[in-house]
């Protein structure tokens, strides 16, 4: 493989812990199709899904990731921010040289091609800040607007308000017109949640949001730490619990067992439980860009790892308690 046809990328060719299986390797540089954009990646970010993609937390999740005895695809990463280097002839809204951001599997690399989920980057943030946005912000947006059916004037609670999705969900609820936003997080993140726009912040170690007597139209549960019966107490009769995360669980089923129990417990009833995986798309990325450029939402970066330390970043994600997002700088 010629040097001009190759690039550096983070790969894993077997299941296991990040420091044991993730390495940098030379892989073929992608070639964009007529409807794709070739992006020279400047930064990426680490999501919970990237940690699950290591396949070391739940055996039964491996076929969902791709493969059982070993991964079908060796590539890792989803979020990216960078510069459009080449543009297919059918792409009308992006030109070579544009700064862009988006989602595409294999983003822990020097180059990536993108089609359905790429848009111009917000002009008022760095590449690292832009890279932590796509998956987390789109998850928050779709949880509130699409799955939660949030309408202006309603009340929202975000459980797990200090992580990537949670920090965006607090801000997004405000941007979508929520009348009151309650954030649930640890004591060390209380002030941050207030700065992001929460009207009320609960330290989960001191206050149980399911026993305050308050009810909410939409609960975005990122932590996934409470049962359906507990969450039901905090929901309005026609309220919705949008489950955007869950604990790691055991090494066989991972979070799948808890998700199944929650779903079964919620049937039937007027209160709804919805679990989903966000669907990245250009239109929602453009909306998020507008919200960032207008100052209505902002990314929160906990730490920036260089690409050659990506395994350390994945291990940190697995340990939990990340404040905001972990970014990855790609040289």
C-alpha atoms as a PDB file:
ATOM      1  CA  UNK A   1       0.000   0.000   0.000  1.00  0.00           C
ATOM      2  CA  UNK A   2       1.450   3.365  -1.068  1.00  0.00           C
ATOM      3  CA  UNK A   3       1.801   6.002   1.645  1.00  0.00           C
ATOM      4  CA  UNK A   4      -0.609   8.258  -0.275  1.00  0.00           C
ATOM      5  CA  UNK A   5      -3.236   5.499  -0.196  1.00  0.00           C
ATOM      6  CA  UNK A   6      -2.896   4.787   3.542  1.00  0.00           C
ATOM      7  CA  UNK A   7      -3.806   6.517   6.769  1.00  0.00           C
ATOM      8  CA  UNK A   8      -3.486   5.920  10.490  1.00  0.00           C
ATOM      9  CA  UNK A   9      -6.546   4.674  12.362  1.00  0.00           C
ATOM     10  CA  UNK A  10      -7.440   3.118  15.699  1.00  0.00           C
ATOM     11  CA  UNK A  11      -8.466  -0.527  15.244  1.00  0.00           C
ATOM     12  CA  UNK A  12      -9.364  -3.571  17.298  1.00  0.00           C
ATOM     13  CA  UNK A  13      -9.274  -7.021  15.733  1.00  0.00           C
ATOM     14  CA  UNK A  14     -10.551  -8.970  18.733  1.00  0.00           C
ATOM     15  CA  UNK A  15     -12.807  -8.382  21.718  1.00  0.00           C
ATOM     16  CA  UNK A  16     -11.282  -7.212  24.976  1.00  0.00           C
ATOM     17  CA  UNK A  17     -10.249  -4.316  27.166  1.00  0.00           C
ATOM     18  CA  UNK A  18      -9.142  -1.175  25.363  1.00  0.00           C
ATOM     19  CA  UNK A  19      -5.493  -1.250  26.452  1.00  0.00           C
ATOM     20  CA  UNK A  20      -5.245  -4.898  25.391  1.00  0.00           C
ATOM     21  CA  UNK A  21      -6.862  -4.789  21.939  1.00  0.00           C
ATOM     22  CA  UNK A  22      -6.893  -1.208  20.578  1.00  0.00           C
ATOM     23  CA  UNK A  23      -3.924  -0.156  18.457  1.00  0.00           C
ATOM     24  CA  UNK A  24      -3.007   2.301  15.718  1.00  0.00           C
ATOM     25  CA  UNK A  25      -2.490   0.771  12.283  1.00  0.00           C
ATOM     26  CA  UNK A  26      -2.087   1.741   8.640  1.00  0.00           C
ATOM     27  CA  UNK A  27      -5.359   1.170   6.793  1.00  0.00           C
ATOM     28  CA  UNK A  28      -6.553   2.160   3.303  1.00  0.00           C
ATOM     29  CA  UNK A  29      -7.528   5.787   2.938  1.00  0.00           C
ATOM     30  CA  UNK A  30     -11.216   5.958   1.919  1.00  0.00           C
ATOM     31  CA  UNK A  31     -12.317   7.218  -1.484  1.00  0.00           C
ATOM     32  CA  UNK A  32     -15.566   9.232  -1.541  1.00  0.00           C
ATOM     33  CA  UNK A  33     -18.480   8.129  -3.687  1.00  0.00           C
ATOM     34  CA  UNK A  34     -20.449  10.627  -5.764  1.00  0.00           C
ATOM     35  CA  UNK A  35     -22.744  11.415  -2.807  1.00  0.00           C
ATOM     36  CA  UNK A  36     -20.030  11.466  -0.119  1.00  0.00           C
ATOM     37  CA  UNK A  37     -17.588  13.904   1.437  1.00  0.00           C
ATOM     38  CA  UNK A  38     -13.995  12.953   2.227  1.00  0.00           C
ATOM     39  CA  UNK A  39     -13.082  14.580   5.541  1.00  0.00           C
ATOM     40  CA  UNK A  40      -9.600  15.103   6.894  1.00  0.00           C
ATOM     41  CA  UNK A  41     -10.373  14.483  10.546  1.00  0.00           C
ATOM     42  CA  UNK A  42      -9.041  16.997  13.026  1.00  0.00           C
ATOM     43  CA  UNK A  43     -10.866  15.692  16.101  1.00  0.00           C
ATOM     44  CA  UNK A  44     -13.234  12.975  17.256  1.00  0.00           C
ATOM     45  CA  UNK A  45     -14.848  12.087  20.574  1.00  0.00           C
ATOM     46  CA  UNK A  46     -15.553   9.043  22.715  1.00  0.00           C
ATOM     47  CA  UNK A  47     -19.141   7.953  23.294  1.00  0.00           C
ATOM     48  CA  UNK A  48     -20.497   5.221  25.522  1.00  0.00           C
ATOM     49  CA  UNK A  49     -21.209   3.219  22.381  1.00  0.00           C
ATOM     50  CA  UNK A  50     -17.507   3.261  21.486  1.00  0.00           C
ATOM     51  CA  UNK A  51     -16.763   1.611  24.810  1.00  0.00           C
ATOM     52  CA  UNK A  52     -19.448  -1.039  24.235  1.00  0.00           C
ATOM     53  CA  UNK A  53     -17.942  -1.651  20.771  1.00  0.00           C
ATOM     54  CA  UNK A  54     -14.930  -3.248  22.474  1.00  0.00           C
ATOM     55  CA  UNK A  55     -17.227  -6.204  23.188  1.00  0.00           C
ATOM     56  CA  UNK A  56     -15.708  -6.922  26.594  1.00  0.00           C
ATOM     57  CA  UNK A  57     -18.712  -5.923  28.684  1.00  0.00           C
ATOM     58  CA  UNK A  58     -21.476  -8.185  27.354  1.00  0.00           C
ATOM     59  CA  UNK A  59     -21.123 -11.339  25.268  1.00  0.00           C
ATOM     60  CA  UNK A  60     -24.691 -11.173  23.951  1.00  0.00           C
ATOM     61  CA  UNK A  61     -24.156  -7.672  22.573  1.00  0.00           C
ATOM     62  CA  UNK A  62     -21.372  -8.787  20.218  1.00  0.00           C
ATOM     63  CA  UNK A  63     -23.689  -9.876  17.361  1.00  0.00           C
ATOM     64  CA  UNK A  64     -25.419  -6.476  17.613  1.00  0.00           C
ATOM     65  CA  UNK A  65     -22.040  -4.762  17.276  1.00  0.00           C
ATOM     66  CA  UNK A  66     -21.011  -7.070  14.446  1.00  0.00           C
ATOM     67  CA  UNK A  67     -19.464 -10.500  14.878  1.00  0.00           C
ATOM     68  CA  UNK A  68     -19.355 -12.986  17.741  1.00  0.00           C
ATOM     69  CA  UNK A  69     -16.008 -14.732  17.969  1.00  0.00           C
ATOM     70  CA  UNK A  70     -14.299 -11.616  16.589  1.00  0.00           C
ATOM     71  CA  UNK A  71     -15.418  -8.212  15.250  1.00  0.00           C
ATOM     72  CA  UNK A  72     -16.484  -8.129  11.598  1.00  0.00           C
ATOM     73  CA  UNK A  73     -15.181  -4.571  11.309  1.00  0.00           C
ATOM     74  CA  UNK A  74     -11.944  -3.508  12.950  1.00  0.00           C
ATOM     75  CA  UNK A  75     -12.684   0.233  12.888  1.00  0.00           C
ATOM     76  CA  UNK A  76     -13.799   2.353  15.857  1.00  0.00           C
ATOM     77  CA  UNK A  77     -15.282   5.790  16.516  1.00  0.00           C
ATOM     78  CA  UNK A  78     -18.310   7.741  15.344  1.00  0.00           C
ATOM     79  CA  UNK A  79     -18.081  11.508  15.906  1.00  0.00           C
ATOM     80  CA  UNK A  80     -15.801  13.637  13.750  1.00  0.00           C
ATOM     81  CA  UNK A  81     -14.925  17.254  13.001  1.00  0.00           C
ATOM     82  CA  UNK A  82     -12.517  18.282  10.288  1.00  0.00           C
ATOM     83  CA  UNK A  83     -12.039  19.750   6.830  1.00  0.00           C
ATOM     84  CA  UNK A  84     -13.742  18.597   3.644  1.00  0.00           C
ATOM     85  CA  UNK A  85     -10.880  17.527   1.387  1.00  0.00           C
ATOM     86  CA  UNK A  86     -12.908  16.163  -1.533  1.00  0.00           C
ATOM     87  CA  UNK A  87     -16.588  16.291  -2.404  1.00  0.00           C
ATOM     88  CA  UNK A  88     -18.564  13.929  -4.648  1.00  0.00           C
ATOM     89  CA  UNK A  89     -20.303  15.433  -7.670  1.00  0.00           C
ATOM     90  CA  UNK A  90     -23.773  14.887  -6.156  1.00  0.00           C
ATOM     91  CA  UNK A  91     -23.029  16.860  -2.960  1.00  0.00           C
ATOM     92  CA  UNK A  92     -24.406  20.396  -3.262  1.00  0.00           C
ATOM     93  CA  UNK A  93     -24.159  21.942   0.200  1.00  0.00           C
ATOM     94  CA  UNK A  94     -20.490  21.326   1.087  1.00  0.00           C
ATOM     95  CA  UNK A  95     -17.377  22.418  -0.799  1.00  0.00           C
ATOM     96  CA  UNK A  96     -13.703  21.412  -0.491  1.00  0.00           C
ATOM     97  CA  UNK A  97     -12.108  23.403   2.326  1.00  0.00           C
ATOM     98  CA  UNK A  98     -15.305  23.702   4.385  1.00  0.00           C
ATOM     99  CA  UNK A  99     -15.036  22.911   8.087  1.00  0.00           C
ATOM    100  CA  UNK A 100     -17.531  20.129   8.814  1.00  0.00           C
ATOM    101  CA  UNK A 101     -18.720  17.812  11.572  1.00  0.00           C
ATOM    102  CA  UNK A 102     -20.852  14.700  11.713  1.00  0.00           C
ATOM    103  CA  UNK A 103     -21.106  10.971  12.369  1.00  0.00           C
ATOM    104  CA  UNK A 104     -19.568   8.006  10.550  1.00  0.00           C
ATOM    105  CA  UNK A 105     -18.229   4.681  11.819  1.00  0.00           C
ATOM    106  CA  UNK A 106     -14.433   4.639  11.768  1.00  0.00           C
ATOM    107  CA  UNK A 107     -13.910   8.236  12.900  1.00  0.00           C
ATOM    108  CA  UNK A 108     -10.878   7.414  15.061  1.00  0.00           C
ATOM    109  CA  UNK A 109      -8.732   7.971  11.977  1.00  0.00           C
ATOM    110  CA  UNK A 110      -7.033  10.598   9.853  1.00  0.00           C
ATOM    111  CA  UNK A 111      -9.748  10.444   7.169  1.00  0.00           C
ATOM    112  CA  UNK A 112     -13.380   9.410   6.955  1.00  0.00           C
ATOM    113  CA  UNK A 113     -16.082   9.567   4.275  1.00  0.00           C
ATOM    114  CA  UNK A 114     -19.561  10.756   5.226  1.00  0.00           C
ATOM    115  CA  UNK A 115     -22.880  10.946   3.399  1.00  0.00           C
ATOM    116  CA  UNK A 116     -26.103  11.250   5.372  1.00  0.00           C
ATOM    117  CA  UNK A 117     -24.715  12.742   8.580  1.00  0.00           C
ATOM    118  CA  UNK A 118     -22.317  15.557   7.751  1.00  0.00           C
ATOM    119  CA  UNK A 119     -22.858  19.316   7.925  1.00  0.00           C
ATOM    120  CA  UNK A 120     -20.894  22.516   8.155  1.00  0.00           C
ATOM    121  CA  UNK A 121     -19.269  22.931  11.562  1.00  0.00           C
ATOM    122  CA  UNK A 122     -20.401  25.717  13.939  1.00  0.00           C
ATOM    123  CA  UNK A 123     -18.065  28.657  13.345  1.00  0.00           C
ATOM    124  CA  UNK A 124     -17.761  29.622  17.012  1.00  0.00           C
ATOM    125  CA  UNK A 125     -16.242  26.406  18.415  1.00  0.00           C
ATOM    126  CA  UNK A 126     -12.940  24.572  17.994  1.00  0.00           C
ATOM    127  CA  UNK A 127     -12.586  21.260  16.186  1.00  0.00           C
ATOM    128  CA  UNK A 128     -12.354  19.460  19.534  1.00  0.00           C
ATOM    129  CA  UNK A 129     -15.513  21.169  20.784  1.00  0.00           C
ATOM    130  CA  UNK A 130     -17.362  20.437  17.537  1.00  0.00           C
ATOM    131  CA  UNK A 131     -16.303  16.791  17.627  1.00  0.00           C
ATOM    132  CA  UNK A 132     -18.005  16.123  20.975  1.00  0.00           C
ATOM    133  CA  UNK A 133     -21.345  17.376  19.666  1.00  0.00           C
ATOM    134  CA  UNK A 134     -22.918  15.041  17.063  1.00  0.00           C
ATOM    135  CA  UNK A 135     -23.978  11.788  18.760  1.00  0.00           C
ATOM    136  CA  UNK A 136     -24.593  13.306  22.212  1.00  0.00           C
ATOM    137  CA  UNK A 137     -26.478  16.389  21.017  1.00  0.00           C
ATOM    138  CA  UNK A 138     -28.549  14.454  18.480  1.00  0.00           C
ATOM    139  CA  UNK A 139     -29.465  11.900  21.150  1.00  0.00           C
ATOM    140  CA  UNK A 140     -30.630  14.695  23.462  1.00  0.00           C
ATOM    141  CA  UNK A 141     -32.560  16.417  20.662  1.00  0.00           C
ATOM    142  CA  UNK A 142     -34.325  13.283  19.473  1.00  0.00           C
ATOM    143  CA  UNK A 143     -35.059  12.096  23.022  1.00  0.00           C
ATOM    144  CA  UNK A 144     -36.834  15.347  23.862  1.00  0.00           C
ATOM    145  CA  UNK A 145     -38.409  16.376  20.569  1.00  0.00           C
ATOM    146  CA  UNK A 146     -39.117  13.088  18.780  1.00  0.00           C
ATOM    147  CA  UNK A 147     -39.434  10.454  21.499  1.00  0.00           C
ATOM    148  CA  UNK A 148     -40.526  12.624  24.402  1.00  0.00           C
ATOM    149  CA  UNK A 149     -42.835  14.840  22.338  1.00  0.00           C
ATOM    150  CA  UNK A 150     -41.732  17.881  24.329  1.00  0.00           C
ATOM    151  CA  UNK A 151     -43.926  20.940  23.855  1.00  0.00           C
ATOM    152  CA  UNK A 152     -43.231  24.526  24.973  1.00  0.00           C
ATOM    153  CA  UNK A 153     -44.284  25.130  28.554  1.00  0.00           C
ATOM    154  CA  UNK A 154     -43.773  21.552  29.756  1.00  0.00           C
ATOM    155  CA  UNK A 155     -41.608  20.295  32.607  1.00  0.00           C
ATOM    156  CA  UNK A 156     -38.491  18.182  32.005  1.00  0.00           C
ATOM    157  CA  UNK A 157     -36.170  16.169  34.241  1.00  0.00           C
ATOM    158  CA  UNK A 158     -32.759  14.901  33.134  1.00  0.00           C
ATOM    159  CA  UNK A 159     -31.356  12.021  35.186  1.00  0.00           C
ATOM    160  CA  UNK A 160     -27.618  11.807  34.583  1.00  0.00           C
ATOM    161  CA  UNK A 161     -27.197  15.473  33.701  1.00  0.00           C
ATOM    162  CA  UNK A 162     -23.410  15.673  33.914  1.00  0.00           C
ATOM    163  CA  UNK A 163     -22.341  13.403  31.029  1.00  0.00           C
ATOM    164  CA  UNK A 164     -22.299  13.994  27.301  1.00  0.00           C
ATOM    165  CA  UNK A 165     -25.990  13.435  26.545  1.00  0.00           C
ATOM    166  CA  UNK A 166     -27.081  14.886  29.874  1.00  0.00           C
ATOM    167  CA  UNK A 167     -25.303  18.220  29.497  1.00  0.00           C
ATOM    168  CA  UNK A 168     -26.874  18.652  26.066  1.00  0.00           C
ATOM    169  CA  UNK A 169     -30.313  17.493  27.262  1.00  0.00           C
ATOM    170  CA  UNK A 170     -30.455  20.195  29.954  1.00  0.00           C
ATOM    171  CA  UNK A 171     -29.617  22.884  27.404  1.00  0.00           C
ATOM    172  CA  UNK A 172     -31.748  21.390  24.630  1.00  0.00           C
ATOM    173  CA  UNK A 173     -34.828  21.287  26.848  1.00  0.00           C
ATOM    174  CA  UNK A 174     -34.438  25.021  27.408  1.00  0.00           C
ATOM    175  CA  UNK A 175     -33.889  25.675  23.702  1.00  0.00           C
ATOM    176  CA  UNK A 176     -37.046  23.711  22.828  1.00  0.00           C
ATOM    177  CA  UNK A 177     -39.166  25.806  25.193  1.00  0.00           C
ATOM    178  CA  UNK A 178     -39.422  23.782  28.400  1.00  0.00           C
ATOM    179  CA  UNK A 179     -40.880  25.878  31.216  1.00  0.00           C
ATOM    180  CA  UNK A 180     -38.864  24.146  33.943  1.00  0.00           C
ATOM    181  CA  UNK A 181     -35.809  21.879  33.794  1.00  0.00           C
ATOM    182  CA  UNK A 182     -34.622  19.735  36.708  1.00  0.00           C
ATOM    183  CA  UNK A 183     -31.164  18.166  36.539  1.00  0.00           C
ATOM    184  CA  UNK A 184     -30.084  15.138  38.591  1.00  0.00           C
ATOM    185  CA  UNK A 185     -26.348  14.613  39.056  1.00  0.00           C
ATOM    186  CA  UNK A 186     -23.602  14.165  41.657  1.00  0.00           C
ATOM    187  CA  UNK A 187     -22.613  16.894  44.098  1.00  0.00           C
ATOM    188  CA  UNK A 188     -19.488  17.881  42.170  1.00  0.00           C
ATOM    189  CA  UNK A 189     -21.573  18.671  39.070  1.00  0.00           C
ATOM    190  CA  UNK A 190     -24.336  20.727  40.669  1.00  0.00           C
ATOM    191  CA  UNK A 191     -22.875  24.123  39.748  1.00  0.00           C
ATOM    192  CA  UNK A 192     -22.172  23.027  36.179  1.00  0.00           C
ATOM    193  CA  UNK A 193     -25.802  21.944  35.742  1.00  0.00           C
ATOM    194  CA  UNK A 194     -26.989  25.327  36.980  1.00  0.00           C
ATOM    195  CA  UNK A 195     -24.633  27.089  34.569  1.00  0.00           C
ATOM    196  CA  UNK A 196     -26.139  25.079  31.702  1.00  0.00           C
ATOM    197  CA  UNK A 197     -29.615  26.366  32.523  1.00  0.00           C
ATOM    198  CA  UNK A 198     -31.227  23.950  34.966  1.00  0.00           C
ATOM    199  CA  UNK A 199     -33.882  25.596  37.157  1.00  0.00           C
ATOM    200  CA  UNK A 200     -33.403  23.008  39.879  1.00  0.00           C
ATOM    201  CA  UNK A 201     -30.519  20.638  40.506  1.00  0.00           C
ATOM    202  CA  UNK A 202     -30.758  17.538  42.690  1.00  0.00           C
ATOM    203  CA  UNK A 203     -27.754  15.737  44.146  1.00  0.00           C
ATOM    204  CA  UNK A 204     -28.809  12.110  43.700  1.00  0.00           C
ATOM    205  CA  UNK A 205     -26.954  11.099  46.879  1.00  0.00           C
ATOM    206  CA  UNK A 206     -29.113  13.441  48.960  1.00  0.00           C
ATOM    207  CA  UNK A 207     -32.452  13.688  47.156  1.00  0.00           C
ATOM    208  CA  UNK A 208     -34.548  11.063  45.381  1.00  0.00           C
ATOM    209  CA  UNK A 209     -36.273  12.682  42.413  1.00  0.00           C
ATOM    210  CA  UNK A 210     -38.920   9.949  42.389  1.00  0.00           C
ATOM    211  CA  UNK A 211     -40.036  10.893  45.935  1.00  0.00           C
ATOM    212  CA  UNK A 212     -40.098  14.700  45.824  1.00  0.00           C
ATOM    213  CA  UNK A 213     -43.766  14.824  44.825  1.00  0.00           C
ATOM    214  CA  UNK A 214     -42.833  16.687  41.614  1.00  0.00           C
ATOM    215  CA  UNK A 215     -44.086  15.372  38.285  1.00  0.00           C
ATOM    216  CA  UNK A 216     -42.680  15.863  34.820  1.00  0.00           C
ATOM    217  CA  UNK A 217     -44.001  15.666  31.288  1.00  0.00           C
ATOM    218  CA  UNK A 218     -40.720  14.250  29.975  1.00  0.00           C
ATOM    219  CA  UNK A 219     -37.920  12.462  31.806  1.00  0.00           C
ATOM    220  CA  UNK A 220     -34.697  11.870  29.883  1.00  0.00           C
ATOM    221  CA  UNK A 221     -32.950   9.074  31.767  1.00  0.00           C
ATOM    222  CA  UNK A 222     -29.296   8.832  30.779  1.00  0.00           C
ATOM    223  CA  UNK A 223     -28.162   7.069  33.955  1.00  0.00           C
ATOM    224  CA  UNK A 224     -30.774   4.313  33.678  1.00  0.00           C
ATOM    225  CA  UNK A 225     -30.479   3.820  37.410  1.00  0.00           C
ATOM    226  CA  UNK A 226     -34.136   3.723  38.468  1.00  0.00           C
ATOM    227  CA  UNK A 227     -36.904   1.171  38.025  1.00  0.00           C
ATOM    228  CA  UNK A 228     -40.061   1.819  36.030  1.00  0.00           C
ATOM    229  CA  UNK A 229     -42.128   1.902  39.223  1.00  0.00           C
ATOM    230  CA  UNK A 230     -39.884   4.620  40.646  1.00  0.00           C
ATOM    231  CA  UNK A 231     -39.869   6.696  37.459  1.00  0.00           C
ATOM    232  CA  UNK A 232     -43.638   6.282  37.125  1.00  0.00           C
ATOM    233  CA  UNK A 233     -44.112   8.218  40.366  1.00  0.00           C
ATOM    234  CA  UNK A 234     -42.341  11.220  38.826  1.00  0.00           C
ATOM    235  CA  UNK A 235     -44.241  11.204  35.512  1.00  0.00           C
ATOM    236  CA  UNK A 236     -47.446  13.025  34.657  1.00  0.00           C
ATOM    237  CA  UNK A 237     -50.293  10.618  33.733  1.00  0.00           C
ATOM    238  CA  UNK A 238     -49.530  11.112  30.037  1.00  0.00           C
ATOM    239  CA  UNK A 239     -45.787  11.645  30.521  1.00  0.00           C
ATOM    240  CA  UNK A 240     -42.929   9.933  28.727  1.00  0.00           C
ATOM    241  CA  UNK A 241     -39.686   8.411  29.966  1.00  0.00           C
ATOM    242  CA  UNK A 242     -37.078   8.553  27.199  1.00  0.00           C
ATOM    243  CA  UNK A 243     -34.351   6.092  28.117  1.00  0.00           C
ATOM    244  CA  UNK A 244     -31.093   7.294  26.572  1.00  0.00           C
ATOM    245  CA  UNK A 245     -28.686   5.142  28.569  1.00  0.00           C
ATOM    246  CA  UNK A 246     -28.342   2.257  30.989  1.00  0.00           C
ATOM    247  CA  UNK A 247     -25.791   0.813  33.441  1.00  0.00           C
ATOM    248  CA  UNK A 248     -23.166  -1.531  32.019  1.00  0.00           C
ATOM    249  CA  UNK A 249     -24.824  -4.590  33.592  1.00  0.00           C
ATOM    250  CA  UNK A 250     -23.282  -8.063  33.775  1.00  0.00           C
ATOM    251  CA  UNK A 251     -20.751  -9.601  31.397  1.00  0.00           C
ATOM    252  CA  UNK A 252     -23.321 -11.779  29.623  1.00  0.00           C
ATOM    253  CA  UNK A 253     -26.292  -9.514  28.853  1.00  0.00           C
ATOM    254  CA  UNK A 254     -24.799  -6.094  29.641  1.00  0.00           C
ATOM    255  CA  UNK A 255     -27.550  -3.447  29.732  1.00  0.00           C
ATOM    256  CA  UNK A 256     -29.958  -5.611  27.699  1.00  0.00           C
ATOM    257  CA  UNK A 257     -31.449  -7.370  30.733  1.00  0.00           C
ATOM    258  CA  UNK A 258     -32.295  -4.116  32.492  1.00  0.00           C
ATOM    259  CA  UNK A 259     -33.780  -2.619  29.341  1.00  0.00           C
ATOM    260  CA  UNK A 260     -36.010  -5.662  28.873  1.00  0.00           C
ATOM    261  CA  UNK A 261     -37.231  -5.520  32.482  1.00  0.00           C
ATOM    262  CA  UNK A 262     -38.038  -1.811  32.198  1.00  0.00           C
ATOM    263  CA  UNK A 263     -39.943  -2.311  28.964  1.00  0.00           C
ATOM    264  CA  UNK A 264     -42.010  -5.207  30.317  1.00  0.00           C
ATOM    265  CA  UNK A 265     -42.830  -3.346  33.542  1.00  0.00           C
ATOM    266  CA  UNK A 266     -44.116  -0.339  31.606  1.00  0.00           C
ATOM    267  CA  UNK A 267     -46.770  -2.352  29.672  1.00  0.00           C
ATOM    268  CA  UNK A 268     -49.597  -1.334  29.600  1.00  0.00           C
ATOM    269  CA  UNK A 269     -50.411   2.175  30.841  1.00  0.00           C
ATOM    270  CA  UNK A 270     -50.875   5.785  29.824  1.00  0.00           C
ATOM    271  CA  UNK A 271     -47.323   6.700  30.798  1.00  0.00           C
ATOM    272  CA  UNK A 272     -44.853   5.730  28.095  1.00  0.00           C
ATOM    273  CA  UNK A 273     -41.343   4.294  28.129  1.00  0.00           C
ATOM    274  CA  UNK A 274     -39.286   4.660  24.966  1.00  0.00           C
ATOM    275  CA  UNK A 275     -35.769   3.396  24.356  1.00  0.00           C
ATOM    276  CA  UNK A 276     -33.992   4.400  21.191  1.00  0.00           C
ATOM    277  CA  UNK A 277     -30.676   4.909  19.436  1.00  0.00           C
ATOM    278  CA  UNK A 278     -30.282   8.275  17.750  1.00  0.00           C
ATOM    279  CA  UNK A 279     -30.452   8.514  13.963  1.00  0.00           C
ATOM    280  CA  UNK A 280     -27.819  10.989  12.749  1.00  0.00           C
ATOM    281  CA  UNK A 281     -28.909  13.108   9.814  1.00  0.00           C
ATOM    282  CA  UNK A 282     -27.983  16.344   8.073  1.00  0.00           C
ATOM    283  CA  UNK A 283     -31.114  18.281   9.039  1.00  0.00           C
ATOM    284  CA  UNK A 284     -30.688  17.704  12.769  1.00  0.00           C
ATOM    285  CA  UNK A 285     -26.966  18.460  12.577  1.00  0.00           C
ATOM    286  CA  UNK A 286     -27.804  21.771  10.898  1.00  0.00           C
ATOM    287  CA  UNK A 287     -30.304  22.585  13.664  1.00  0.00           C
ATOM    288  CA  UNK A 288     -27.705  21.789  16.332  1.00  0.00           C
ATOM    289  CA  UNK A 289     -25.199  24.013  14.513  1.00  0.00           C
ATOM    290  CA  UNK A 290     -27.694  26.899  14.612  1.00  0.00           C
ATOM    291  CA  UNK A 291     -28.309  26.391  18.346  1.00  0.00           C
ATOM    292  CA  UNK A 292     -24.562  26.449  19.037  1.00  0.00           C
ATOM    293  CA  UNK A 293     -23.925  29.506  16.890  1.00  0.00           C
ATOM    294  CA  UNK A 294     -26.793  31.341  18.594  1.00  0.00           C
ATOM    295  CA  UNK A 295     -25.381  30.519  22.034  1.00  0.00           C
ATOM    296  CA  UNK A 296     -28.375  28.444  23.137  1.00  0.00           C
ATOM    297  CA  UNK A 297     -26.283  25.318  23.672  1.00  0.00           C
ATOM    298  CA  UNK A 298     -22.570  24.713  24.099  1.00  0.00           C
ATOM    299  CA  UNK A 299     -20.374  21.619  24.270  1.00  0.00           C
ATOM    300  CA  UNK A 300     -18.673  20.632  27.516  1.00  0.00           C
ATOM    301  CA  UNK A 301     -15.231  19.028  27.090  1.00  0.00           C
ATOM    302  CA  UNK A 302     -13.807  17.129  30.054  1.00  0.00           C
ATOM    303  CA  UNK A 303     -10.473  16.074  28.551  1.00  0.00           C
ATOM    304  CA  UNK A 304      -8.714  15.889  25.172  1.00  0.00           C
ATOM    305  CA  UNK A 305      -6.732  12.747  24.289  1.00  0.00           C
ATOM    306  CA  UNK A 306      -4.316  12.500  21.356  1.00  0.00           C
ATOM    307  CA  UNK A 307      -5.204   9.687  18.961  1.00  0.00           C
ATOM    308  CA  UNK A 308      -2.278   7.553  20.095  1.00  0.00           C
ATOM    309  CA  UNK A 309      -3.761   7.537  23.635  1.00  0.00           C
ATOM    310  CA  UNK A 310      -7.244   6.534  22.498  1.00  0.00           C
ATOM    311  CA  UNK A 311      -7.125   3.320  24.568  1.00  0.00           C
ATOM    312  CA  UNK A 312      -6.690   5.370  27.740  1.00  0.00           C
ATOM    313  CA  UNK A 313      -9.704   7.476  26.792  1.00  0.00           C
ATOM    314  CA  UNK A 314     -11.840   4.404  26.199  1.00  0.00           C
ATOM    315  CA  UNK A 315     -10.820   3.023  29.597  1.00  0.00           C
ATOM    316  CA  UNK A 316     -11.818   6.314  31.240  1.00  0.00           C
ATOM    317  CA  UNK A 317     -15.199   6.151  29.541  1.00  0.00           C
ATOM    318  CA  UNK A 318     -15.680   2.653  30.917  1.00  0.00           C
ATOM    319  CA  UNK A 319     -14.912   3.815  34.433  1.00  0.00           C
ATOM    320  CA  UNK A 320     -17.743   6.374  34.274  1.00  0.00           C
ATOM    321  CA  UNK A 321     -18.104   9.796  35.895  1.00  0.00           C
ATOM    322  CA  UNK A 322     -16.917  11.753  32.841  1.00  0.00           C
ATOM    323  CA  UNK A 323     -17.991  15.402  33.074  1.00  0.00           C
ATOM    324  CA  UNK A 324     -19.284  16.316  29.643  1.00  0.00           C
ATOM    325  CA  UNK A 325     -17.388  14.628  26.816  1.00  0.00           C
ATOM    326  CA  UNK A 326     -13.972  13.176  26.048  1.00  0.00           C
ATOM    327  CA  UNK A 327     -12.463  14.586  22.864  1.00  0.00           C
ATOM    328  CA  UNK A 328      -9.772  13.002  20.664  1.00  0.00           C
ATOM    329  CA  UNK A 329      -7.259  15.149  18.776  1.00  0.00           C
ATOM    330  CA  UNK A 330      -6.229  13.682  15.417  1.00  0.00           C
ATOM    331  CA  UNK A 331      -2.970  15.048  13.990  1.00  0.00           C
END
